[in-house]
Amino acid sequence: HISREKATSGIGTIIWGSGFIDDEYAPIRS
């Protein structure tokens, strides 16, 4: 999660981390 204050602070790009491509083999955690 990123706070609303940070999201609306003028940042050009927000990067969402750890987008596992499947839920079977890709993750390192559940």
mmCIF file of all heavy atoms, coordinates in Angstrom:
data_MODEL
# 
_entry.id   MODEL 
# 
loop_
_atom_site.group_PDB 
_atom_site.id 
_atom_site.type_symbol 
_atom_site.label_atom_id 
_atom_site.label_alt_id 
_atom_site.label_comp_id 
_atom_site.label_asym_id 
_atom_site.label_entity_id 
_atom_site.label_seq_id 
_atom_site.pdbx_PDB_ins_code 
_atom_site.Cartn_x 
_atom_site.Cartn_y 
_atom_site.Cartn_z 
_atom_site.occupancy 
_atom_site.B_iso_or_equiv 
_atom_site.pdbx_formal_charge 
_atom_site.auth_seq_id 
_atom_site.auth_comp_id 
_atom_site.auth_asym_id 
_atom_site.auth_atom_id 
_atom_site.pdbx_PDB_model_num 
ATOM 1   N N   . HIS A 1 1  ? 0.836  -1.200  0.000   1.00 0.00 ? 1  HIS A N   1 
ATOM 2   C CA  . HIS A 1 1  ? 0.000  0.000   0.000   1.00 0.00 ? 1  HIS A CA  1 
ATOM 3   C C   . HIS A 1 1  ? 0.870  1.248   0.000   1.00 0.00 ? 1  HIS A C   1 
ATOM 4   O O   . HIS A 1 1  ? 1.934  1.284   0.606   1.00 0.00 ? 1  HIS A O   1 
ATOM 5   C CB  . HIS A 1 1  ? -0.905 -0.004  1.235   1.00 0.00 ? 1  HIS A CB  1 
ATOM 6   C CG  . HIS A 1 1  ? -1.859 1.152   1.266   1.00 0.00 ? 1  HIS A CG  1 
ATOM 7   N ND1 . HIS A 1 1  ? -2.900 1.292   0.370   1.00 0.00 ? 1  HIS A ND1 1 
ATOM 8   C CD2 . HIS A 1 1  ? -1.925 2.230   2.079   1.00 0.00 ? 1  HIS A CD2 1 
ATOM 9   C CE1 . HIS A 1 1  ? -3.562 2.404   0.630   1.00 0.00 ? 1  HIS A CE1 1 
ATOM 10  N NE2 . HIS A 1 1  ? -2.989 2.986   1.657   1.00 0.00 ? 1  HIS A NE2 1 
ATOM 11  N N   . ILE A 1 2  ? 0.398  2.261   -0.678  1.00 0.00 ? 2  ILE A N   1 
ATOM 12  C CA  . ILE A 1 2  ? 1.009  3.586   -0.646  1.00 0.00 ? 2  ILE A CA  1 
ATOM 13  C C   . ILE A 1 2  ? -0.062 4.564   -0.169  1.00 0.00 ? 2  ILE A C   1 
ATOM 14  O O   . ILE A 1 2  ? -1.241 4.429   -0.516  1.00 0.00 ? 2  ILE A O   1 
ATOM 15  C CB  . ILE A 1 2  ? 1.550  3.984   -2.036  1.00 0.00 ? 2  ILE A CB  1 
ATOM 16  C CG1 . ILE A 1 2  ? 2.331  5.298   -1.958  1.00 0.00 ? 2  ILE A CG1 1 
ATOM 17  C CG2 . ILE A 1 2  ? 0.446  4.081   -3.070  1.00 0.00 ? 2  ILE A CG2 1 
ATOM 18  C CD1 . ILE A 1 2  ? 3.059  5.636   -3.252  1.00 0.00 ? 2  ILE A CD1 1 
ATOM 19  N N   . SER A 1 3  ? 0.315  5.505   0.659   1.00 0.00 ? 3  SER A N   1 
ATOM 20  C CA  . SER A 1 3  ? -0.673 6.403   1.243   1.00 0.00 ? 3  SER A CA  1 
ATOM 21  C C   . SER A 1 3  ? -1.264 7.327   0.177   1.00 0.00 ? 3  SER A C   1 
ATOM 22  O O   . SER A 1 3  ? -0.640 7.603   -0.851  1.00 0.00 ? 3  SER A O   1 
ATOM 23  C CB  . SER A 1 3  ? -0.032 7.241   2.354   1.00 0.00 ? 3  SER A CB  1 
ATOM 24  O OG  . SER A 1 3  ? 0.908  8.143   1.797   1.00 0.00 ? 3  SER A OG  1 
ATOM 25  N N   . ARG A 1 4  ? -2.472 7.813   0.450   1.00 0.00 ? 4  ARG A N   1 
ATOM 26  C CA  . ARG A 1 4  ? -3.112 8.760   -0.462  1.00 0.00 ? 4  ARG A CA  1 
ATOM 27  C C   . ARG A 1 4  ? -2.273 10.028  -0.581  1.00 0.00 ? 4  ARG A C   1 
ATOM 28  O O   . ARG A 1 4  ? -2.165 10.605  -1.675  1.00 0.00 ? 4  ARG A O   1 
ATOM 29  C CB  . ARG A 1 4  ? -4.522 9.096   0.038   1.00 0.00 ? 4  ARG A CB  1 
ATOM 30  C CG  . ARG A 1 4  ? -5.325 9.972   -0.926  1.00 0.00 ? 4  ARG A CG  1 
ATOM 31  C CD  . ARG A 1 4  ? -6.693 10.285  -0.329  1.00 0.00 ? 4  ARG A CD  1 
ATOM 32  N NE  . ARG A 1 4  ? -7.445 9.078   -0.081  1.00 0.00 ? 4  ARG A NE  1 
ATOM 33  C CZ  . ARG A 1 4  ? -8.211 8.467   -0.989  1.00 0.00 ? 4  ARG A CZ  1 
ATOM 34  N NH1 . ARG A 1 4  ? -8.312 8.982   -2.199  1.00 0.00 ? 4  ARG A NH1 1 
ATOM 35  N NH2 . ARG A 1 4  ? -8.879 7.365   -0.688  1.00 0.00 ? 4  ARG A NH2 1 
ATOM 36  N N   . GLU A 1 5  ? -1.671 10.450  0.538   1.00 0.00 ? 5  GLU A N   1 
ATOM 37  C CA  . GLU A 1 5  ? -0.854 11.658  0.525   1.00 0.00 ? 5  GLU A CA  1 
ATOM 38  C C   . GLU A 1 5  ? 0.325  11.515  -0.440  1.00 0.00 ? 5  GLU A C   1 
ATOM 39  O O   . GLU A 1 5  ? 0.639  12.431  -1.208  1.00 0.00 ? 5  GLU A O   1 
ATOM 40  C CB  . GLU A 1 5  ? -0.335 11.971  1.936   1.00 0.00 ? 5  GLU A CB  1 
ATOM 41  C CG  . GLU A 1 5  ? -1.394 12.450  2.906   1.00 0.00 ? 5  GLU A CG  1 
ATOM 42  C CD  . GLU A 1 5  ? -2.303 11.326  3.401   1.00 0.00 ? 5  GLU A CD  1 
ATOM 43  O OE1 . GLU A 1 5  ? -1.918 10.142  3.263   1.00 0.00 ? 5  GLU A OE1 1 
ATOM 44  O OE2 . GLU A 1 5  ? -3.402 11.638  3.891   1.00 0.00 ? 5  GLU A OE2 1 
ATOM 45  N N   . LYS A 1 6  ? 0.976  10.362  -0.408  1.00 0.00 ? 6  LYS A N   1 
ATOM 46  C CA  . LYS A 1 6  ? 2.112  10.142  -1.303  1.00 0.00 ? 6  LYS A CA  1 
ATOM 47  C C   . LYS A 1 6  ? 1.651  9.981   -2.745  1.00 0.00 ? 6  LYS A C   1 
ATOM 48  O O   . LYS A 1 6  ? 2.271  10.514  -3.670  1.00 0.00 ? 6  LYS A O   1 
ATOM 49  C CB  . LYS A 1 6  ? 2.889  8.892   -0.875  1.00 0.00 ? 6  LYS A CB  1 
ATOM 50  C CG  . LYS A 1 6  ? 4.178  8.682   -1.666  1.00 0.00 ? 6  LYS A CG  1 
ATOM 51  C CD  . LYS A 1 6  ? 5.012  7.551   -1.080  1.00 0.00 ? 6  LYS A CD  1 
ATOM 52  C CE  . LYS A 1 6  ? 6.326  7.402   -1.824  1.00 0.00 ? 6  LYS A CE  1 
ATOM 53  N NZ  . LYS A 1 6  ? 7.174  6.331   -1.247  1.00 0.00 ? 6  LYS A NZ  1 
ATOM 54  N N   . ALA A 1 7  ? 0.522  9.269   -2.939  1.00 0.00 ? 7  ALA A N   1 
ATOM 55  C CA  . ALA A 1 7  ? 0.027  9.029   -4.293  1.00 0.00 ? 7  ALA A CA  1 
ATOM 56  C C   . ALA A 1 7  ? -0.357 10.325  -4.990  1.00 0.00 ? 7  ALA A C   1 
ATOM 57  O O   . ALA A 1 7  ? -0.251 10.439  -6.216  1.00 0.00 ? 7  ALA A O   1 
ATOM 58  C CB  . ALA A 1 7  ? -1.162 8.075   -4.249  1.00 0.00 ? 7  ALA A CB  1 
ATOM 59  N N   . THR A 1 8  ? -0.828 11.292  -4.215  1.00 0.00 ? 8  THR A N   1 
ATOM 60  C CA  . THR A 1 8  ? -1.295 12.552  -4.801  1.00 0.00 ? 8  THR A CA  1 
ATOM 61  C C   . THR A 1 8  ? -0.280 13.691  -4.628  1.00 0.00 ? 8  THR A C   1 
ATOM 62  O O   . THR A 1 8  ? -0.624 14.861  -4.762  1.00 0.00 ? 8  THR A O   1 
ATOM 63  C CB  . THR A 1 8  ? -2.629 12.974  -4.158  1.00 0.00 ? 8  THR A CB  1 
ATOM 64  O OG1 . THR A 1 8  ? -2.472 13.091  -2.732  1.00 0.00 ? 8  THR A OG1 1 
ATOM 65  C CG2 . THR A 1 8  ? -3.715 11.943  -4.442  1.00 0.00 ? 8  THR A CG2 1 
ATOM 66  N N   . SER A 1 9  ? 0.973  13.343  -4.341  1.00 0.00 ? 9  SER A N   1 
ATOM 67  C CA  . SER A 1 9  ? 1.988  14.359  -4.048  1.00 0.00 ? 9  SER A CA  1 
ATOM 68  C C   . SER A 1 9  ? 2.668  14.909  -5.298  1.00 0.00 ? 9  SER A C   1 
ATOM 69  O O   . SER A 1 9  ? 3.517  15.792  -5.199  1.00 0.00 ? 9  SER A O   1 
ATOM 70  C CB  . SER A 1 9  ? 3.057  13.766  -3.121  1.00 0.00 ? 9  SER A CB  1 
ATOM 71  O OG  . SER A 1 9  ? 3.765  12.733  -3.792  1.00 0.00 ? 9  SER A OG  1 
ATOM 72  N N   . GLY A 1 10 ? 2.306  14.393  -6.469  1.00 0.00 ? 10 GLY A N   1 
ATOM 73  C CA  . GLY A 1 10 ? 2.929  14.853  -7.695  1.00 0.00 ? 10 GLY A CA  1 
ATOM 74  C C   . GLY A 1 10 ? 3.883  13.847  -8.312  1.00 0.00 ? 10 GLY A C   1 
ATOM 75  O O   . GLY A 1 10 ? 4.558  14.142  -9.310  1.00 0.00 ? 10 GLY A O   1 
ATOM 76  N N   . ILE A 1 11 ? 3.962  12.643  -7.748  1.00 0.00 ? 11 ILE A N   1 
ATOM 77  C CA  . ILE A 1 11 ? 4.799  11.583  -8.308  1.00 0.00 ? 11 ILE A CA  1 
ATOM 78  C C   . ILE A 1 11 ? 4.345  11.270  -9.724  1.00 0.00 ? 11 ILE A C   1 
ATOM 79  O O   . ILE A 1 11 ? 3.148  11.198  -10.012 1.00 0.00 ? 11 ILE A O   1 
ATOM 80  C CB  . ILE A 1 11 ? 4.695  10.309  -7.432  1.00 0.00 ? 11 ILE A CB  1 
ATOM 81  C CG1 . ILE A 1 11 ? 5.332  10.551  -6.070  1.00 0.00 ? 11 ILE A CG1 1 
ATOM 82  C CG2 . ILE A 1 11 ? 5.341  9.105   -8.116  1.00 0.00 ? 11 ILE A CG2 1 
ATOM 83  C CD1 . ILE A 1 11 ? 5.110  9.421   -5.086  1.00 0.00 ? 11 ILE A CD1 1 
ATOM 84  N N   . GLY A 1 12 ? 5.311  11.044  -10.611 1.00 0.00 ? 12 GLY A N   1 
ATOM 85  C CA  . GLY A 1 12 ? 4.964  10.739  -11.993 1.00 0.00 ? 12 GLY A CA  1 
ATOM 86  C C   . GLY A 1 12 ? 4.586  9.286   -12.217 1.00 0.00 ? 12 GLY A C   1 
ATOM 87  O O   . GLY A 1 12 ? 3.656  8.984   -12.966 1.00 0.00 ? 12 GLY A O   1 
ATOM 88  N N   . THR A 1 13 ? 5.298  8.382   -11.537 1.00 0.00 ? 13 THR A N   1 
ATOM 89  C CA  . THR A 1 13 ? 5.069  6.951   -11.723 1.00 0.00 ? 13 THR A CA  1 
ATOM 90  C C   . THR A 1 13 ? 5.151  6.226   -10.388 1.00 0.00 ? 13 THR A C   1 
ATOM 91  O O   . THR A 1 13 ? 6.081  6.446   -9.611  1.00 0.00 ? 13 THR A O   1 
ATOM 92  C CB  . THR A 1 13 ? 6.103  6.332   -12.681 1.00 0.00 ? 13 THR A CB  1 
ATOM 93  O OG1 . THR A 1 13 ? 6.117  7.056   -13.907 1.00 0.00 ? 13 THR A OG1 1 
ATOM 94  C CG2 . THR A 1 13 ? 5.773  4.871   -12.975 1.00 0.00 ? 13 THR A CG2 1 
ATOM 95  N N   . ILE A 1 14 ? 4.183  5.367   -10.134 1.00 0.00 ? 14 ILE A N   1 
ATOM 96  C CA  . ILE A 1 14 ? 4.182  4.506   -8.955  1.00 0.00 ? 14 ILE A CA  1 
ATOM 97  C C   . ILE A 1 14 ? 4.402  3.076   -9.432  1.00 0.00 ? 14 ILE A C   1 
ATOM 98  O O   . ILE A 1 14 ? 3.747  2.620   -10.371 1.00 0.00 ? 14 ILE A O   1 
ATOM 99  C CB  . ILE A 1 14 ? 2.849  4.612   -8.191  1.00 0.00 ? 14 ILE A CB  1 
ATOM 100 C CG1 . ILE A 1 14 ? 2.681  6.022   -7.621  1.00 0.00 ? 14 ILE A CG1 1 
ATOM 101 C CG2 . ILE A 1 14 ? 2.764  3.572   -7.083  1.00 0.00 ? 14 ILE A CG2 1 
ATOM 102 C CD1 . ILE A 1 14 ? 1.299  6.295   -7.046  1.00 0.00 ? 14 ILE A CD1 1 
ATOM 103 N N   . ILE A 1 15 ? 5.327  2.382   -8.803  1.00 0.00 ? 15 ILE A N   1 
ATOM 104 C CA  . ILE A 1 15 ? 5.628  1.003   -9.195  1.00 0.00 ? 15 ILE A CA  1 
ATOM 105 C C   . ILE A 1 15 ? 5.071  0.041   -8.153  1.00 0.00 ? 15 ILE A C   1 
ATOM 106 O O   . ILE A 1 15 ? 5.419  0.106   -6.977  1.00 0.00 ? 15 ILE A O   1 
ATOM 107 C CB  . ILE A 1 15 ? 7.140  0.774   -9.355  1.00 0.00 ? 15 ILE A CB  1 
ATOM 108 C CG1 . ILE A 1 15 ? 7.715  1.750   -10.390 1.00 0.00 ? 15 ILE A CG1 1 
ATOM 109 C CG2 . ILE A 1 15 ? 7.424  -0.670  -9.785  1.00 0.00 ? 15 ILE A CG2 1 
ATOM 110 C CD1 . ILE A 1 15 ? 9.224  1.675   -10.518 1.00 0.00 ? 15 ILE A CD1 1 
ATOM 111 N N   . TRP A 1 16 ? 4.186  -0.840  -8.599  1.00 0.00 ? 16 TRP A N   1 
ATOM 112 C CA  . TRP A 1 16 ? 3.600  -1.882  -7.751  1.00 0.00 ? 16 TRP A CA  1 
ATOM 113 C C   . TRP A 1 16 ? 4.547  -3.073  -7.788  1.00 0.00 ? 16 TRP A C   1 
ATOM 114 O O   . TRP A 1 16 ? 4.785  -3.661  -8.833  1.00 0.00 ? 16 TRP A O   1 
ATOM 115 C CB  . TRP A 1 16 ? 2.232  -2.259  -8.311  1.00 0.00 ? 16 TRP A CB  1 
ATOM 116 C CG  . TRP A 1 16 ? 1.394  -3.174  -7.473  1.00 0.00 ? 16 TRP A CG  1 
ATOM 117 C CD1 . TRP A 1 16 ? 1.747  -4.390  -6.987  1.00 0.00 ? 16 TRP A CD1 1 
ATOM 118 C CD2 . TRP A 1 16 ? 0.050  -2.949  -7.044  1.00 0.00 ? 16 TRP A CD2 1 
ATOM 119 N NE1 . TRP A 1 16 ? 0.709  -4.952  -6.285  1.00 0.00 ? 16 TRP A NE1 1 
ATOM 120 C CE2 . TRP A 1 16 ? -0.346 -4.081  -6.312  1.00 0.00 ? 16 TRP A CE2 1 
ATOM 121 C CE3 . TRP A 1 16 ? -0.860 -1.914  -7.233  1.00 0.00 ? 16 TRP A CE3 1 
ATOM 122 C CZ2 . TRP A 1 16 ? -1.619 -4.210  -5.759  1.00 0.00 ? 16 TRP A CZ2 1 
ATOM 123 C CZ3 . TRP A 1 16 ? -2.125 -2.034  -6.685  1.00 0.00 ? 16 TRP A CZ3 1 
ATOM 124 C CH2 . TRP A 1 16 ? -2.498 -3.161  -5.956  1.00 0.00 ? 16 TRP A CH2 1 
ATOM 125 N N   . GLY A 1 17 ? 5.091  -3.463  -6.637  1.00 0.00 ? 17 GLY A N   1 
ATOM 126 C CA  . GLY A 1 17 ? 6.092  -4.519  -6.594  1.00 0.00 ? 17 GLY A CA  1 
ATOM 127 C C   . GLY A 1 17 ? 5.506  -5.912  -6.489  1.00 0.00 ? 17 GLY A C   1 
ATOM 128 O O   . GLY A 1 17 ? 4.337  -6.104  -6.140  1.00 0.00 ? 17 GLY A O   1 
ATOM 129 N N   . SER A 1 18 ? 6.341  -6.906  -6.791  1.00 0.00 ? 18 SER A N   1 
ATOM 130 C CA  . SER A 1 18 ? 6.038  -8.328  -6.592  1.00 0.00 ? 18 SER A CA  1 
ATOM 131 C C   . SER A 1 18 ? 4.738  -8.769  -7.242  1.00 0.00 ? 18 SER A C   1 
ATOM 132 O O   . SER A 1 18 ? 3.846  -9.309  -6.593  1.00 0.00 ? 18 SER A O   1 
ATOM 133 C CB  . SER A 1 18 ? 6.005  -8.658  -5.096  1.00 0.00 ? 18 SER A CB  1 
ATOM 134 O OG  . SER A 1 18 ? 7.246  -8.387  -4.487  1.00 0.00 ? 18 SER A OG  1 
ATOM 135 N N   . GLY A 1 19 ? 4.633  -8.558  -8.551  1.00 0.00 ? 19 GLY A N   1 
ATOM 136 C CA  . GLY A 1 19 ? 3.480  -9.063  -9.296  1.00 0.00 ? 19 GLY A CA  1 
ATOM 137 C C   . GLY A 1 19 ? 3.774  -10.465 -9.802  1.00 0.00 ? 19 GLY A C   1 
ATOM 138 O O   . GLY A 1 19 ? 4.187  -10.651 -10.953 1.00 0.00 ? 19 GLY A O   1 
ATOM 139 N N   . PHE A 1 20 ? 3.584  -11.462 -8.930  1.00 0.00 ? 20 PHE A N   1 
ATOM 140 C CA  . PHE A 1 20 ? 3.876  -12.845 -9.303  1.00 0.00 ? 20 PHE A CA  1 
ATOM 141 C C   . PHE A 1 20 ? 2.994  -13.277 -10.468 1.00 0.00 ? 20 PHE A C   1 
ATOM 142 O O   . PHE A 1 20 ? 1.793  -13.029 -10.470 1.00 0.00 ? 20 PHE A O   1 
ATOM 143 C CB  . PHE A 1 20 ? 3.668  -13.777 -8.109  1.00 0.00 ? 20 PHE A CB  1 
ATOM 144 C CG  . PHE A 1 20 ? 4.516  -13.434 -6.922  1.00 0.00 ? 20 PHE A CG  1 
ATOM 145 C CD1 . PHE A 1 20 ? 3.943  -13.047 -5.721  1.00 0.00 ? 20 PHE A CD1 1 
ATOM 146 C CD2 . PHE A 1 20 ? 5.896  -13.477 -7.017  1.00 0.00 ? 20 PHE A CD2 1 
ATOM 147 C CE1 . PHE A 1 20 ? 4.725  -12.720 -4.631  1.00 0.00 ? 20 PHE A CE1 1 
ATOM 148 C CE2 . PHE A 1 20 ? 6.695  -13.145 -5.929  1.00 0.00 ? 20 PHE A CE2 1 
ATOM 149 C CZ  . PHE A 1 20 ? 6.107  -12.767 -4.730  1.00 0.00 ? 20 PHE A CZ  1 
ATOM 150 N N   . ILE A 1 21 ? 3.595  -13.951 -11.449 1.00 0.00 ? 21 ILE A N   1 
ATOM 151 C CA  . ILE A 1 21 ? 2.864  -14.270 -12.674 1.00 0.00 ? 21 ILE A CA  1 
ATOM 152 C C   . ILE A 1 21 ? 1.928  -15.462 -12.522 1.00 0.00 ? 21 ILE A C   1 
ATOM 153 O O   . ILE A 1 21 ? 1.066  -15.682 -13.375 1.00 0.00 ? 21 ILE A O   1 
ATOM 154 C CB  . ILE A 1 21 ? 3.812  -14.502 -13.856 1.00 0.00 ? 21 ILE A CB  1 
ATOM 155 C CG1 . ILE A 1 21 ? 4.747  -15.692 -13.576 1.00 0.00 ? 21 ILE A CG1 1 
ATOM 156 C CG2 . ILE A 1 21 ? 4.612  -13.234 -14.145 1.00 0.00 ? 21 ILE A CG2 1 
ATOM 157 C CD1 . ILE A 1 21 ? 5.578  -16.107 -14.776 1.00 0.00 ? 21 ILE A CD1 1 
ATOM 158 N N   . ASP A 1 22 ? 2.095  -16.248 -11.457 1.00 0.00 ? 22 ASP A N   1 
ATOM 159 C CA  . ASP A 1 22 ? 1.105  -17.286 -11.144 1.00 0.00 ? 22 ASP A CA  1 
ATOM 160 C C   . ASP A 1 22 ? 1.135  -17.505 -9.639  1.00 0.00 ? 22 ASP A C   1 
ATOM 161 O O   . ASP A 1 22 ? 1.967  -16.940 -8.931  1.00 0.00 ? 22 ASP A O   1 
ATOM 162 C CB  . ASP A 1 22 ? 1.342  -18.583 -11.925 1.00 0.00 ? 22 ASP A CB  1 
ATOM 163 C CG  . ASP A 1 22 ? 2.626  -19.301 -11.552 1.00 0.00 ? 22 ASP A CG  1 
ATOM 164 O OD1 . ASP A 1 22 ? 3.000  -19.325 -10.359 1.00 0.00 ? 22 ASP A OD1 1 
ATOM 165 O OD2 . ASP A 1 22 ? 3.278  -19.857 -12.459 1.00 0.00 ? 22 ASP A OD2 1 
ATOM 166 N N   . ASP A 1 23 ? 0.213  -18.297 -9.145  1.00 0.00 ? 23 ASP A N   1 
ATOM 167 C CA  . ASP A 1 23 ? 0.125  -18.532 -7.706  1.00 0.00 ? 23 ASP A CA  1 
ATOM 168 C C   . ASP A 1 23 ? 0.596  -19.933 -7.344  1.00 0.00 ? 23 ASP A C   1 
ATOM 169 O O   . ASP A 1 23 ? 0.382  -20.394 -6.232  1.00 0.00 ? 23 ASP A O   1 
ATOM 170 C CB  . ASP A 1 23 ? -1.315 -18.330 -7.234  1.00 0.00 ? 23 ASP A CB  1 
ATOM 171 C CG  . ASP A 1 23 ? -1.410 -18.142 -5.726  1.00 0.00 ? 23 ASP A CG  1 
ATOM 172 O OD1 . ASP A 1 23 ? -0.444 -17.602 -5.146  1.00 0.00 ? 23 ASP A OD1 1 
ATOM 173 O OD2 . ASP A 1 23 ? -2.427 -18.539 -5.135  1.00 0.00 ? 23 ASP A OD2 1 
ATOM 174 N N   . GLU A 1 24 ? 1.241  -20.617 -8.305  1.00 0.00 ? 24 GLU A N   1 
ATOM 175 C CA  . GLU A 1 24 ? 1.657  -21.994 -8.081  1.00 0.00 ? 24 GLU A CA  1 
ATOM 176 C C   . GLU A 1 24 ? 3.165  -22.104 -7.883  1.00 0.00 ? 24 GLU A C   1 
ATOM 177 O O   . GLU A 1 24 ? 3.630  -22.617 -6.866  1.00 0.00 ? 24 GLU A O   1 
ATOM 178 C CB  . GLU A 1 24 ? 1.229  -22.858 -9.271  1.00 0.00 ? 24 GLU A CB  1 
ATOM 179 C CG  . GLU A 1 24 ? 1.554  -24.333 -9.110  1.00 0.00 ? 24 GLU A CG  1 
ATOM 180 C CD  . GLU A 1 24 ? 1.098  -25.157 -10.294 1.00 0.00 ? 24 GLU A CD  1 
ATOM 181 O OE1 . GLU A 1 24 ? 0.741  -24.562 -11.330 1.00 0.00 ? 24 GLU A OE1 1 
ATOM 182 O OE2 . GLU A 1 24 ? 1.111  -26.390 -10.183 1.00 0.00 ? 24 GLU A OE2 1 
ATOM 183 N N   . TYR A 1 25 ? 3.934  -21.601 -8.834  1.00 0.00 ? 25 TYR A N   1 
ATOM 184 C CA  . TYR A 1 25 ? 5.379  -21.731 -8.782  1.00 0.00 ? 25 TYR A CA  1 
ATOM 185 C C   . TYR A 1 25 ? 6.108  -20.406 -8.601  1.00 0.00 ? 25 TYR A C   1 
ATOM 186 O O   . TYR A 1 25 ? 7.250  -20.381 -8.147  1.00 0.00 ? 25 TYR A O   1 
ATOM 187 C CB  . TYR A 1 25 ? 5.892  -22.373 -10.085 1.00 0.00 ? 25 TYR A CB  1 
ATOM 188 C CG  . TYR A 1 25 ? 5.453  -23.799 -10.278 1.00 0.00 ? 25 TYR A CG  1 
ATOM 189 C CD1 . TYR A 1 25 ? 4.428  -24.105 -11.166 1.00 0.00 ? 25 TYR A CD1 1 
ATOM 190 C CD2 . TYR A 1 25 ? 6.057  -24.837 -9.583  1.00 0.00 ? 25 TYR A CD2 1 
ATOM 191 C CE1 . TYR A 1 25 ? 4.018  -25.412 -11.351 1.00 0.00 ? 25 TYR A CE1 1 
ATOM 192 C CE2 . TYR A 1 25 ? 5.661  -26.145 -9.761  1.00 0.00 ? 25 TYR A CE2 1 
ATOM 193 C CZ  . TYR A 1 25 ? 4.636  -26.437 -10.655 1.00 0.00 ? 25 TYR A CZ  1 
ATOM 194 O OH  . TYR A 1 25 ? 4.231  -27.731 -10.827 1.00 0.00 ? 25 TYR A OH  1 
ATOM 195 N N   . ALA A 1 26 ? 5.487  -19.300 -8.996  1.00 0.00 ? 26 ALA A N   1 
ATOM 196 C CA  . ALA A 1 26 ? 6.197  -18.025 -9.037  1.00 0.00 ? 26 ALA A CA  1 
ATOM 197 C C   . ALA A 1 26 ? 6.500  -17.407 -7.681  1.00 0.00 ? 26 ALA A C   1 
ATOM 198 O O   . ALA A 1 26 ? 7.567  -16.816 -7.501  1.00 0.00 ? 26 ALA A O   1 
ATOM 199 C CB  . ALA A 1 26 ? 5.411  -17.023 -9.894  1.00 0.00 ? 26 ALA A CB  1 
ATOM 200 N N   . PRO A 1 27 ? 5.596  -17.468 -6.669  1.00 0.00 ? 27 PRO A N   1 
ATOM 201 C CA  . PRO A 1 27 ? 5.804  -16.667 -5.447  1.00 0.00 ? 27 PRO A CA  1 
ATOM 202 C C   . PRO A 1 27 ? 6.908  -17.208 -4.548  1.00 0.00 ? 27 PRO A C   1 
ATOM 203 O O   . PRO A 1 27 ? 7.329  -18.358 -4.636  1.00 0.00 ? 27 PRO A O   1 
ATOM 204 C CB  . PRO A 1 27 ? 4.444  -16.766 -4.743  1.00 0.00 ? 27 PRO A CB  1 
ATOM 205 C CG  . PRO A 1 27 ? 3.485  -17.254 -5.768  1.00 0.00 ? 27 PRO A CG  1 
ATOM 206 C CD  . PRO A 1 27 ? 4.282  -18.123 -6.678  1.00 0.00 ? 27 PRO A CD  1 
ATOM 207 N N   . ILE A 1 28 ? 7.347  -16.349 -3.652  1.00 0.00 ? 28 ILE A N   1 
ATOM 208 C CA  . ILE A 1 28 ? 8.251  -16.765 -2.585  1.00 0.00 ? 28 ILE A CA  1 
ATOM 209 C C   . ILE A 1 28 ? 7.493  -16.864 -1.267  1.00 0.00 ? 28 ILE A C   1 
ATOM 210 O O   . ILE A 1 28 ? 8.010  -17.320 -0.267  1.00 0.00 ? 28 ILE A O   1 
ATOM 211 C CB  . ILE A 1 28 ? 9.426  -15.778 -2.453  1.00 0.00 ? 28 ILE A CB  1 
ATOM 212 C CG1 . ILE A 1 28 ? 10.586 -16.420 -1.668  1.00 0.00 ? 28 ILE A CG1 1 
ATOM 213 C CG2 . ILE A 1 28 ? 8.995  -14.450 -1.827  1.00 0.00 ? 28 ILE A CG2 1 
ATOM 214 C CD1 . ILE A 1 28 ? 11.864 -15.641 -1.683  1.00 0.00 ? 28 ILE A CD1 1 
ATOM 215 N N   . ARG A 1 29 ? 6.260  -16.445 -1.274  1.00 0.00 ? 29 ARG A N   1 
ATOM 216 C CA  . ARG A 1 29 ? 5.417  -16.498 -0.075  1.00 0.00 ? 29 ARG A CA  1 
ATOM 217 C C   . ARG A 1 29 ? 3.971  -16.657 -0.521  1.00 0.00 ? 29 ARG A C   1 
ATOM 218 O O   . ARG A 1 29 ? 3.636  -16.509 -1.698  1.00 0.00 ? 29 ARG A O   1 
ATOM 219 C CB  . ARG A 1 29 ? 5.557  -15.207 0.734   1.00 0.00 ? 29 ARG A CB  1 
ATOM 220 C CG  . ARG A 1 29 ? 5.135  -13.991 -0.039  1.00 0.00 ? 29 ARG A CG  1 
ATOM 221 C CD  . ARG A 1 29 ? 5.237  -12.709 0.772   1.00 0.00 ? 29 ARG A CD  1 
ATOM 222 N NE  . ARG A 1 29 ? 4.792  -11.587 -0.033  1.00 0.00 ? 29 ARG A NE  1 
ATOM 223 C CZ  . ARG A 1 29 ? 5.569  -10.937 -0.895  1.00 0.00 ? 29 ARG A CZ  1 
ATOM 224 N NH1 . ARG A 1 29 ? 6.829  -11.301 -1.030  1.00 0.00 ? 29 ARG A NH1 1 
ATOM 225 N NH2 . ARG A 1 29 ? 5.093  -9.939  -1.609  1.00 0.00 ? 29 ARG A NH2 1 
ATOM 226 N N   . SER A 1 30 ? 3.096  -16.963 0.414   1.00 0.00 ? 30 SER A N   1 
ATOM 227 C CA  . SER A 1 30 ? 1.679  -17.099 0.091   1.00 0.00 ? 30 SER A CA  1 
ATOM 228 C C   . SER A 1 30 ? 0.991  -15.745 0.153   1.00 0.00 ? 30 SER A C   1 
ATOM 229 O O   . SER A 1 30 ? 1.456  -14.820 0.799   1.00 0.00 ? 30 SER A O   1 
ATOM 230 C CB  . SER A 1 30 ? 1.008  -18.062 1.080   1.00 0.00 ? 30 SER A CB  1 
ATOM 231 O OG  . SER A 1 30 ? 1.111  -17.556 2.400   1.00 0.00 ? 30 SER A OG  1 
# 
